[in-house]
PDB file of N, CA and C in Angstrom:
ATOM      1  N   MET A   1      71.896  82.849 134.672  1.00  0.00           N
ATOM      2  CA  MET A   1      72.239  84.097 135.325  1.00  0.00           C
ATOM      3  C   MET A   1      71.164  85.168 135.085  1.00  0.00           C
ATOM      4  N   ALA A   2      70.565  85.179 133.901  1.00  0.00           N
ATOM      5  CA  ALA A   2      69.534  86.174 133.601  1.00  0.00           C
ATOM      6  C   ALA A   2      68.323  85.997 134.512  1.00  0.00           C
ATOM      7  N   ASP A   3      68.009  84.761 134.900  1.00  0.00           N
ATOM      8  CA  ASP A   3      66.867  84.522 135.790  1.00  0.00           C
ATOM      9  C   ASP A   3      67.078  85.139 137.169  1.00  0.00           C
ATOM     10  N   LYS A   4      68.335  85.351 137.543  1.00  0.00           N
ATOM     11  CA  LYS A   4      68.635  85.933 138.842  1.00  0.00           C
ATOM     12  C   LYS A   4      68.046  87.336 138.968  1.00  0.00           C
ATOM     13  N   PHE A   5      67.910  88.043 137.836  1.00  0.00           N
ATOM     14  CA  PHE A   5      67.414  89.411 137.859  1.00  0.00           C
ATOM     15  C   PHE A   5      66.037  89.558 137.219  1.00  0.00           C
ATOM     16  N   ARG A   6      65.375  88.456 136.894  1.00  0.00           N
ATOM     17  CA  ARG A   6      64.017  88.517 136.363  1.00  0.00           C
ATOM     18  C   ARG A   6      63.063  88.791 137.524  1.00  0.00           C
ATOM     19  N   ILE A   7      62.185  89.767 137.372  1.00  0.00           N
ATOM     20  CA  ILE A   7      61.274  90.166 138.445  1.00  0.00           C
ATOM     21  C   ILE A   7      59.908  89.526 138.221  1.00  0.00           C
ATOM     22  N   LEU A   8      59.442  88.778 139.205  1.00  0.00           N
ATOM     23  CA  LEU A   8      58.139  88.128 139.121  1.00  0.00           C
ATOM     24  C   LEU A   8      57.075  89.010 139.756  1.00  0.00           C
ATOM     25  N   THR A   9      55.981  89.211 139.030  1.00  0.00           N
ATOM     26  CA  THR A   9      54.824  89.946 139.546  1.00  0.00           C
ATOM     27  C   THR A   9      53.594  89.082 139.306  1.00  0.00           C
ATOM     28  N   SER A  10      52.447  89.561 139.746  1.00  0.00           N
ATOM     29  CA  SER A  10      51.199  88.848 139.459  1.00  0.00           C
ATOM     30  C   SER A  10      50.806  89.109 138.004  1.00  0.00           C
ATOM     31  N   ASP A  11      49.779  88.424 137.549  1.00  0.00           N
ATOM     32  CA  ASP A  11      49.314  88.590 136.173  1.00  0.00           C
ATOM     33  C   ASP A  11      48.914  90.025 135.866  1.00  0.00           C
ATOM     34  N   ASN A  12      48.405  90.747 136.863  1.00  0.00           N
ATOM     35  CA  ASN A  12      47.982  92.131 136.645  1.00  0.00           C
ATOM     36  C   ASN A  12      49.093  93.131 136.962  1.00  0.00           C
ATOM     37  N   LYS A  13      50.319  92.648 137.077  1.00  0.00           N
ATOM     38  CA  LYS A  13      51.513  93.454 137.387  1.00  0.00           C
ATOM     39  C   LYS A  13      51.477  94.042 138.793  1.00  0.00           C
ATOM     40  N   GLY A  14      50.751  93.396 139.682  1.00  0.00           N
ATOM     41  CA  GLY A  14      50.679  93.830 141.070  1.00  0.00           C
ATOM     42  C   GLY A  14      51.550  92.952 141.964  1.00  0.00           C
ATOM     43  N   CYS A  15      51.214  92.931 143.234  1.00  0.00           N
ATOM     44  CA  CYS A  15      51.948  92.156 144.226  1.00  0.00           C
ATOM     45  C   CYS A  15      51.944  90.670 143.851  1.00  0.00           C
ATOM     46  N   TYR A  16      53.104  90.044 143.953  1.00  0.00           N
ATOM     47  CA  TYR A  16      53.240  88.639 143.603  1.00  0.00           C
ATOM     48  C   TYR A  16      52.403  87.746 144.520  1.00  0.00           C
ATOM     49  N   LEU A  17      52.253  88.116 145.788  1.00  0.00           N
ATOM     50  CA  LEU A  17      51.552  87.258 146.740  1.00  0.00           C
ATOM     51  C   LEU A  17      50.053  87.505 146.802  1.00  0.00           C
ATOM     52  N   CYS A  18      49.636  88.751 147.000  1.00  0.00           N
ATOM     53  CA  CYS A  18      48.201  89.021 147.195  1.00  0.00           C
ATOM     54  C   CYS A  18      47.504  89.501 145.921  1.00  0.00           C
ATOM     55  N   ARG A  19      48.273  89.748 144.875  1.00  0.00           N
ATOM     56  CA  ARG A  19      47.756  90.180 143.565  1.00  0.00           C
ATOM     57  C   ARG A  19      47.169  91.589 143.578  1.00  0.00           C
ATOM     58  N   GLN A  20      47.300  92.317 144.694  1.00  0.00           N
ATOM     59  CA  GLN A  20      46.796  93.684 144.769  1.00  0.00           C
ATOM     60  C   GLN A  20      47.639  94.564 143.858  1.00  0.00           C
ATOM     61  N   ASN A  21      46.988  95.382 143.060  1.00  0.00           N
ATOM     62  CA  ASN A  21      47.697  96.273 142.151  1.00  0.00           C
ATOM     63  C   ASN A  21      48.051  97.547 142.908  1.00  0.00           C
ATOM     64  N   SER A  22      49.046  97.447 143.765  1.00  0.00           N
ATOM     65  CA  SER A  22      49.456  98.536 144.638  1.00  0.00           C
ATOM     66  C   SER A  22      50.307  99.541 143.872  1.00  0.00           C
ATOM     67  N   ARG A  23      50.214 100.808 144.291  1.00  0.00           N
ATOM     68  CA  ARG A  23      51.060 101.841 143.695  1.00  0.00           C
ATOM     69  C   ARG A  23      52.516 101.631 144.068  1.00  0.00           C
ATOM     70  N   GLU A  24      52.745 101.095 145.235  1.00  0.00           N
ATOM     71  CA  GLU A  24      54.094 100.975 145.757  1.00  0.00           C
ATOM     72  C   GLU A  24      54.451  99.504 145.929  1.00  0.00           C
ATOM     73  N   LEU A  25      55.314  99.020 145.066  1.00  0.00           N
ATOM     74  CA  LEU A  25      55.792  97.640 145.164  1.00  0.00           C
ATOM     75  C   LEU A  25      57.275  97.660 145.511  1.00  0.00           C
ATOM     76  N   PHE A  26      57.681  96.708 146.324  1.00  0.00           N
ATOM     77  CA  PHE A  26      59.072  96.609 146.743  1.00  0.00           C
ATOM     78  C   PHE A  26      59.696  95.386 146.095  1.00  0.00           C
ATOM     79  N   LEU A  27      60.920  95.538 145.678  1.00  0.00           N
ATOM     80  CA  LEU A  27      61.641  94.441 145.067  1.00  0.00           C
ATOM     81  C   LEU A  27      62.257  93.600 146.178  1.00  0.00           C
ATOM     82  N   MET A  28      61.782  92.366 146.314  1.00  0.00           N
ATOM     83  CA  MET A  28      62.222  91.480 147.384  1.00  0.00           C
ATOM     84  C   MET A  28      62.788  90.200 146.781  1.00  0.00           C
ATOM     85  N   ARG A  29      63.814  89.653 147.422  1.00  0.00           N
ATOM     86  CA  ARG A  29      64.397  88.389 146.956  1.00  0.00           C
ATOM     87  C   ARG A  29      63.910  87.279 147.871  1.00  0.00           C
ATOM     88  N   HIS A  30      63.293  86.246 147.268  1.00  0.00           N
ATOM     89  CA  HIS A  30      62.823  85.090 148.018  1.00  0.00           C
ATOM     90  C   HIS A  30      64.050  84.318 148.486  1.00  0.00           C
ATOM     91  N   ILE A  31      64.155  84.084 149.774  1.00  0.00           N
ATOM     92  CA  ILE A  31      65.360  83.489 150.355  1.00  0.00           C
ATOM     93  C   ILE A  31      65.612  82.081 149.827  1.00  0.00           C
ATOM     94  N   ASP A  32      64.591  81.232 149.777  1.00  0.00           N
ATOM     95  CA  ASP A  32      64.787  79.841 149.372  1.00  0.00           C
ATOM     96  C   ASP A  32      65.098  79.677 147.887  1.00  0.00           C
ATOM     97  N   SER A  33      64.378  80.407 147.022  1.00  0.00           N
ATOM     98  CA  SER A  33      64.553  80.208 145.579  1.00  0.00           C
ATOM     99  C   SER A  33      65.516  81.209 144.951  1.00  0.00           C
ATOM    100  N   GLY A  34      65.748  82.350 145.604  1.00  0.00           N
ATOM    101  CA  GLY A  34      66.596  83.390 145.041  1.00  0.00           C
ATOM    102  C   GLY A  34      65.901  84.241 143.993  1.00  0.00           C
ATOM    103  N   GLN A  35      64.597  84.031 143.772  1.00  0.00           N
ATOM    104  CA  GLN A  35      63.857  84.791 142.771  1.00  0.00           C
ATOM    105  C   GLN A  35      63.538  86.195 143.280  1.00  0.00           C
ATOM    106  N   LEU A  36      63.554  87.163 142.345  1.00  0.00           N
ATOM    107  CA  LEU A  36      63.114  88.515 142.657  1.00  0.00           C
ATOM    108  C   LEU A  36      61.609  88.579 142.475  1.00  0.00           C
ATOM    109  N   ARG A  37      60.923  89.142 143.462  1.00  0.00           N
ATOM    110  CA  ARG A  37      59.470  89.240 143.390  1.00  0.00           C
ATOM    111  C   ARG A  37      59.049  90.632 143.838  1.00  0.00           C
ATOM    112  N   ALA A  38      58.037  91.165 143.180  1.00  0.00           N
ATOM    113  CA  ALA A  38      57.490  92.466 143.547  1.00  0.00           C
ATOM    114  C   ALA A  38      56.402  92.254 144.587  1.00  0.00           C
ATOM    115  N   LEU A  39      56.570  92.855 145.771  1.00  0.00           N
ATOM    116  CA  LEU A  39      55.608  92.694 146.864  1.00  0.00           C
ATOM    117  C   LEU A  39      55.105  94.051 147.333  1.00  0.00           C
ATOM    118  N   CYS A  40      53.829  94.105 147.719  1.00  0.00           N
ATOM    119  CA  CYS A  40      53.288  95.315 148.340  1.00  0.00           C
ATOM    120  C   CYS A  40      53.848  95.398 149.761  1.00  0.00           C
ATOM    121  N   SER A  41      53.696  96.551 150.389  1.00  0.00           N
ATOM    122  CA  SER A  41      54.271  96.741 151.724  1.00  0.00           C
ATOM    123  C   SER A  41      53.656  95.796 152.752  1.00  0.00           C
ATOM    124  N   ASP A  42      52.351  95.521 152.653  1.00  0.00           N
ATOM    125  CA  ASP A  42      51.712  94.607 153.605  1.00  0.00           C
ATOM    126  C   ASP A  42      52.326  93.213 153.525  1.00  0.00           C
ATOM    127  N   CYS A  43      52.451  92.678 152.324  1.00  0.00           N
ATOM    128  CA  CYS A  43      53.010  91.335 152.151  1.00  0.00           C
ATOM    129  C   CYS A  43      54.496  91.299 152.512  1.00  0.00           C
ATOM    130  N   ALA A  44      55.217  92.357 152.162  1.00  0.00           N
ATOM    131  CA  ALA A  44      56.647  92.409 152.495  1.00  0.00           C
ATOM    132  C   ALA A  44      56.848  92.334 154.001  1.00  0.00           C
ATOM    133  N   LEU A  45      56.046  93.068 154.752  1.00  0.00           N
ATOM    134  CA  LEU A  45      56.186  93.052 156.213  1.00  0.00           C
ATOM    135  C   LEU A  45      55.704  91.748 156.830  1.00  0.00           C
ATOM    136  N   ARG A  46      54.649  91.162 156.269  1.00  0.00           N
ATOM    137  CA  ARG A  46      54.117  89.905 156.817  1.00  0.00           C
ATOM    138  C   ARG A  46      55.026  88.717 156.525  1.00  0.00           C
ATOM    139  N   HIS A  47      55.870  88.820 155.522  1.00  0.00           N
ATOM    140  CA  HIS A  47      56.686  87.677 155.108  1.00  0.00           C
ATOM    141  C   HIS A  47      58.179  87.965 155.185  1.00  0.00           C
ATOM    142  N   LEU A  48      58.590  88.757 156.168  1.00  0.00           N
ATOM    143  CA  LEU A  48      60.008  89.079 156.313  1.00  0.00           C
ATOM    144  C   LEU A  48      60.871  87.846 156.592  1.00  0.00           C
ATOM    145  N   ASP A  49      60.265  86.787 157.084  1.00  0.00           N
ATOM    146  CA  ASP A  49      61.032  85.570 157.348  1.00  0.00           C
ATOM    147  C   ASP A  49      61.388  84.835 156.050  1.00  0.00           C
ATOM    148  N   ALA A  50      60.706  85.138 154.953  1.00  0.00           N
ATOM    149  CA  ALA A  50      60.939  84.436 153.684  1.00  0.00           C
ATOM    150  C   ALA A  50      61.559  85.322 152.607  1.00  0.00           C
ATOM    151  N   TYR A  51      61.616  86.647 152.834  1.00  0.00           N
ATOM    152  CA  TYR A  51      62.097  87.579 151.812  1.00  0.00           C
ATOM    153  C   TYR A  51      63.113  88.556 152.376  1.00  0.00           C
ATOM    154  N   LEU A  52      64.006  89.007 151.503  1.00  0.00           N
ATOM    155  CA  LEU A  52      64.961  90.058 151.830  1.00  0.00           C
ATOM    156  C   LEU A  52      64.793  91.180 150.813  1.00  0.00           C
ATOM    157  N   ILE A  53      64.991  92.428 151.248  1.00  0.00           N
ATOM    158  CA  ILE A  53      64.969  93.536 150.292  1.00  0.00           C
ATOM    159  C   ILE A  53      66.174  93.366 149.384  1.00  0.00           C
ATOM    160  N   ASP A  54      65.949  93.470 148.080  1.00  0.00           N
ATOM    161  CA  ASP A  54      67.048  93.278 147.136  1.00  0.00           C
ATOM    162  C   ASP A  54      67.755  94.604 146.888  1.00  0.00           C
ATOM    163  N   ASN A  55      69.036  94.639 147.177  1.00  0.00           N
ATOM    164  CA  ASN A  55      69.856  95.811 146.880  1.00  0.00           C
ATOM    165  C   ASN A  55      71.187  95.357 146.286  1.00  0.00           C
ATOM    166  N   THR A  56      71.108  94.384 145.401  1.00  0.00           N
ATOM    167  CA  THR A  56      72.325  93.762 144.874  1.00  0.00           C
ATOM    168  C   THR A  56      72.965  94.501 143.719  1.00  0.00           C
ATOM    169  N   ARG A  57      72.288  95.522 143.185  1.00  0.00           N
ATOM    170  CA  ARG A  57      72.867  96.246 142.056  1.00  0.00           C
ATOM    171  C   ARG A  57      72.282  97.653 141.981  1.00  0.00           C
ATOM    172  N   PRO A  58      72.997  98.575 141.335  1.00  0.00           N
ATOM    173  CA  PRO A  58      72.447  99.925 141.170  1.00  0.00           C
ATOM    174  C   PRO A  58      71.306  99.913 140.164  1.00  0.00           C
ATOM    175  N   TRP A  59      70.318 100.749 140.368  1.00  0.00           N
ATOM    176  CA  TRP A  59      69.165 100.813 139.487  1.00  0.00           C
ATOM    177  C   TRP A  59      69.309 101.972 138.528  1.00  0.00           C
ATOM    178  N   PRO A  60      69.257 101.710 137.207  1.00  0.00           N
ATOM    179  CA  PRO A  60      69.444 102.770 136.210  1.00  0.00           C
ATOM    180  C   PRO A  60      68.460 103.927 136.360  1.00  0.00           C
ATOM    181  N   CYS A  61      67.262 103.671 136.850  1.00  0.00           N
ATOM    182  CA  CYS A  61      66.271 104.738 136.988  1.00  0.00           C
ATOM    183  C   CYS A  61      66.736 105.781 137.992  1.00  0.00           C
ATOM    184  N   LEU A  62      67.515 105.387 138.995  1.00  0.00           N
ATOM    185  CA  LEU A  62      68.020 106.354 139.964  1.00  0.00           C
ATOM    186  C   LEU A  62      69.076 107.246 139.330  1.00  0.00           C
ATOM    187  N   ALA A  63      69.923 106.663 138.507  1.00  0.00           N
ATOM    188  CA  ALA A  63      70.972 107.444 137.858  1.00  0.00           C
ATOM    189  C   ALA A  63      70.380 108.420 136.858  1.00  0.00           C
ATOM    190  N   ALA A  64      69.234 108.105 136.281  1.00  0.00           N
ATOM    191  CA  ALA A  64      68.610 108.950 135.277  1.00  0.00           C
ATOM    192  C   ALA A  64      67.745 110.053 135.886  1.00  0.00           C
ATOM    193  N   ALA A  65      67.488 109.984 137.178  1.00  0.00           N
ATOM    194  CA  ALA A  65      66.633 110.974 137.821  1.00  0.00           C
ATOM    195  C   ALA A  65      67.355 112.320 137.904  1.00  0.00           C
ATOM    196  N   PRO A  66      66.653 113.428 137.654  1.00  0.00           N
ATOM    197  CA  PRO A  66      67.288 114.743 137.733  1.00  0.00           C
ATOM    198  C   PRO A  66      67.785 115.037 139.141  1.00  0.00           C
ATOM    199  N   GLY A  67      68.972 115.543 139.221  1.00  0.00           N
ATOM    200  CA  GLY A  67      69.546 115.917 140.521  1.00  0.00           C
ATOM    201  C   GLY A  67      70.164 114.772 141.290  1.00  0.00           C
ATOM    202  N   VAL A  68      70.187 113.576 140.720  1.00  0.00           N
ATOM    203  CA  VAL A  68      70.774 112.425 141.392  1.00  0.00           C
ATOM    204  C   VAL A  68      72.046 112.026 140.663  1.00  0.00           C
ATOM    205  N   ALA A  69      73.135 111.945 141.379  1.00  0.00           N
ATOM    206  CA  ALA A  69      74.418 111.566 140.767  1.00  0.00           C
ATOM    207  C   ALA A  69      74.362 110.091 140.353  1.00  0.00           C
ATOM    208  N   PRO A  70      74.968 109.742 139.221  1.00  0.00           N
ATOM    209  CA  PRO A  70      74.992 108.348 138.795  1.00  0.00           C
ATOM    210  C   PRO A  70      75.721 107.475 139.815  1.00  0.00           C
ATOM    211  N   ALA A  71      75.322 106.234 139.904  1.00  0.00           N
ATOM    212  CA  ALA A  71      75.977 105.294 140.817  1.00  0.00           C
ATOM    213  C   ALA A  71      77.384 105.014 140.312  1.00  0.00           C
ATOM    214  N   PRO A  72      78.372 104.925 141.216  1.00  0.00           N
ATOM    215  CA  PRO A  72      79.731 104.626 140.782  1.00  0.00           C
ATOM    216  C   PRO A  72      79.837 103.205 140.241  1.00  0.00           C
ATOM    217  N   GLU A  73      80.697 103.028 139.278  1.00  0.00           N
ATOM    218  CA  GLU A  73      80.932 101.688 138.709  1.00  0.00           C
ATOM    219  C   GLU A  73      81.666 100.850 139.737  1.00  0.00           C
ATOM    220  N   THR A  74      81.311  99.575 139.832  1.00  0.00           N
ATOM    221  CA  THR A  74      81.998  98.678 140.776  1.00  0.00           C
ATOM    222  C   THR A  74      82.810  97.661 140.045  1.00  0.00           C
TER     223      THR A  74
END
């Protein structure tokens, strides 16, 4: 179960596919394997047939941001 939420990145902590160390990485779930992978916007758009944007759980960083209400418990 812990592997379900492990985020895979490249060795340099950049995009999993192109290895570019982009400022903006998106958390995407690989459809076939179910793995979470960090992708840059270019790779995310080019591979929409193989990845889905992951929104399966609330992110603690959003709840901790000033002016943002905490996510409700489910």
